[in-house]
Amino acid sequence: MRRLIVKRLAAMVVIILALTAVMFMLAKISPLDPVHAMLGPNASRQALATQRHMLGLDRPLIDQYGRYSAVPSARPTGPGAGSRRISARSSPPPLS
C-alpha cells in the first residue's frame, strides 16, 4: 500500500511539472505580447523595455519558468488581479 501511494505521488509531481511546462511554453509561443497588451500600441520602446525588465521577461527562459512555477498560489487571479486598488463593490454585502 505504501509503495502504491509513493508511486502515485511521484506520478502526480511529474504530471504537474509537465503541465506547467506545457502551459509556460504555450504562453511563450503565443503571438500576443503581454507587455504590448499592458502598455498599448503607442508605448515607446523604452517603456516596453522597462516593463519587460520589471516583469522579468528579459531573463533566460529557465529563470522565467522558475518564477512561473515557483509559487502559483501567490499569483493574483480574477478580475482586477493586476490592480492594487480596493473597491467597495468587490466586498460582499454585510450580513443583516
Protein backbone atom coordinates (compact mmCIF):
# COMPACT_ATOMS: atom_id res chain seq x y z
CA MET A 1 0.00 0.00 0.00
CA ARG A 2 2.81 2.42 0.88
CA ARG A 3 4.52 1.64 -2.41
CA LEU A 4 1.36 2.48 -4.34
CA ILE A 5 0.95 5.81 -2.53
CA VAL A 6 4.57 6.79 -3.19
CA LYS A 7 4.22 5.77 -6.83
CA ARG A 8 1.05 7.86 -7.24
CA LEU A 9 2.60 10.88 -5.52
CA ALA A 10 5.65 10.67 -7.79
CA ALA A 11 3.40 10.44 -10.83
CA MET A 12 1.44 13.47 -9.61
CA VAL A 13 4.63 15.54 -9.32
CA VAL A 14 5.71 14.55 -12.83
CA ILE A 15 2.29 15.38 -14.27
CA ILE A 16 2.17 18.78 -12.56
CA LEU A 17 5.67 19.65 -13.80
CA ALA A 18 4.75 18.56 -17.33
CA LEU A 19 1.53 20.58 -17.29
CA THR A 20 3.22 23.73 -16.02
CA ALA A 21 5.94 23.34 -18.66
CA VAL A 22 3.33 22.96 -21.42
CA MET A 23 1.34 25.98 -20.19
CA PHE A 24 4.51 28.07 -19.95
CA MET A 25 5.62 27.13 -23.46
CA LEU A 26 2.14 27.82 -24.89
CA ALA A 27 2.28 31.29 -23.36
CA LYS A 28 5.78 31.82 -24.79
CA ILE A 29 4.96 30.75 -28.36
CA SER A 30 1.77 32.79 -28.41
CA PRO A 31 1.95 35.68 -30.88
CA LEU A 32 0.50 38.01 -28.25
CA ASP A 33 2.94 40.13 -26.26
CA PRO A 34 1.82 40.77 -22.67
CA VAL A 35 3.84 43.99 -22.48
CA HIS A 36 2.14 45.42 -25.58
CA ALA A 37 -1.21 44.40 -24.14
CA MET A 38 -0.43 46.19 -20.87
CA LEU A 39 1.03 49.40 -22.29
CA GLY A 40 -0.88 49.69 -25.52
CA PRO A 41 0.23 50.07 -29.13
CA ASN A 42 1.54 53.62 -28.68
CA ALA A 43 4.10 52.77 -25.98
CA SER A 44 7.69 53.84 -26.56
CA ARG A 45 10.49 51.30 -26.96
CA GLN A 46 11.99 52.49 -23.69
CA ALA A 47 8.69 51.92 -21.84
CA LEU A 48 8.39 48.44 -23.38
CA ALA A 49 11.96 47.54 -22.39
CA THR A 50 11.44 48.85 -18.85
CA GLN A 51 8.21 46.87 -18.42
CA ARG A 52 9.82 43.70 -19.82
CA HIS A 53 12.63 44.10 -17.31
CA MET A 54 10.18 44.67 -14.44
CA LEU A 55 8.25 41.52 -15.40
CA GLY A 56 11.45 39.50 -15.82
CA LEU A 57 10.77 38.81 -19.50
CA ASP A 58 14.36 39.74 -20.41
CA ARG A 59 15.76 36.87 -18.33
CA PRO A 60 16.67 33.42 -19.73
CA LEU A 61 13.75 31.03 -20.28
CA ILE A 62 14.81 28.73 -17.46
CA ASP A 63 14.69 31.63 -15.00
CA GLN A 64 11.30 32.70 -16.31
CA TYR A 65 9.98 29.15 -15.93
CA GLY A 66 11.34 29.01 -12.40
CA ARG A 67 9.49 32.18 -11.48
CA TYR A 68 6.38 30.94 -13.30
CA SER A 69 6.23 27.64 -11.48
CA ALA A 70 7.69 28.67 -8.09
CA VAL A 71 4.62 29.77 -6.16
CA PRO A 72 1.49 29.61 -8.31
CA SER A 73 -0.77 30.17 -5.32
CA ALA A 74 0.83 33.56 -4.68
CA ARG A 75 -0.17 34.87 -8.11
CA PRO A 76 -3.22 37.13 -8.13
CA THR A 77 -6.17 35.84 -10.12
CA GLY A 78 -9.59 37.06 -11.04
CA PRO A 79 -10.94 40.45 -12.07
CA GLY A 80 -8.63 43.31 -11.20
CA ALA A 81 -5.71 41.00 -10.48
CA GLY A 82 -3.22 43.49 -11.88
CA SER A 83 -4.77 46.35 -9.96
CA ARG A 84 -3.85 47.25 -6.41
CA ARG A 85 -6.99 49.29 -5.93
CA ILE A 86 -9.56 48.10 -3.44
CA SER A 87 -13.10 48.69 -4.49
CA ALA A 88 -16.07 48.89 -2.18
CA ARG A 89 -18.03 46.95 -4.80
CA SER A 90 -15.67 43.98 -4.58
CA SER A 91 -16.53 43.23 -0.97
CA PRO A 92 -19.64 41.22 -0.16
CA PRO A 93 -22.62 43.00 1.37
CA PRO A 94 -22.78 42.95 5.18
CA LEU A 95 -24.95 40.34 6.83
CA SER A 96 -28.05 41.71 8.50
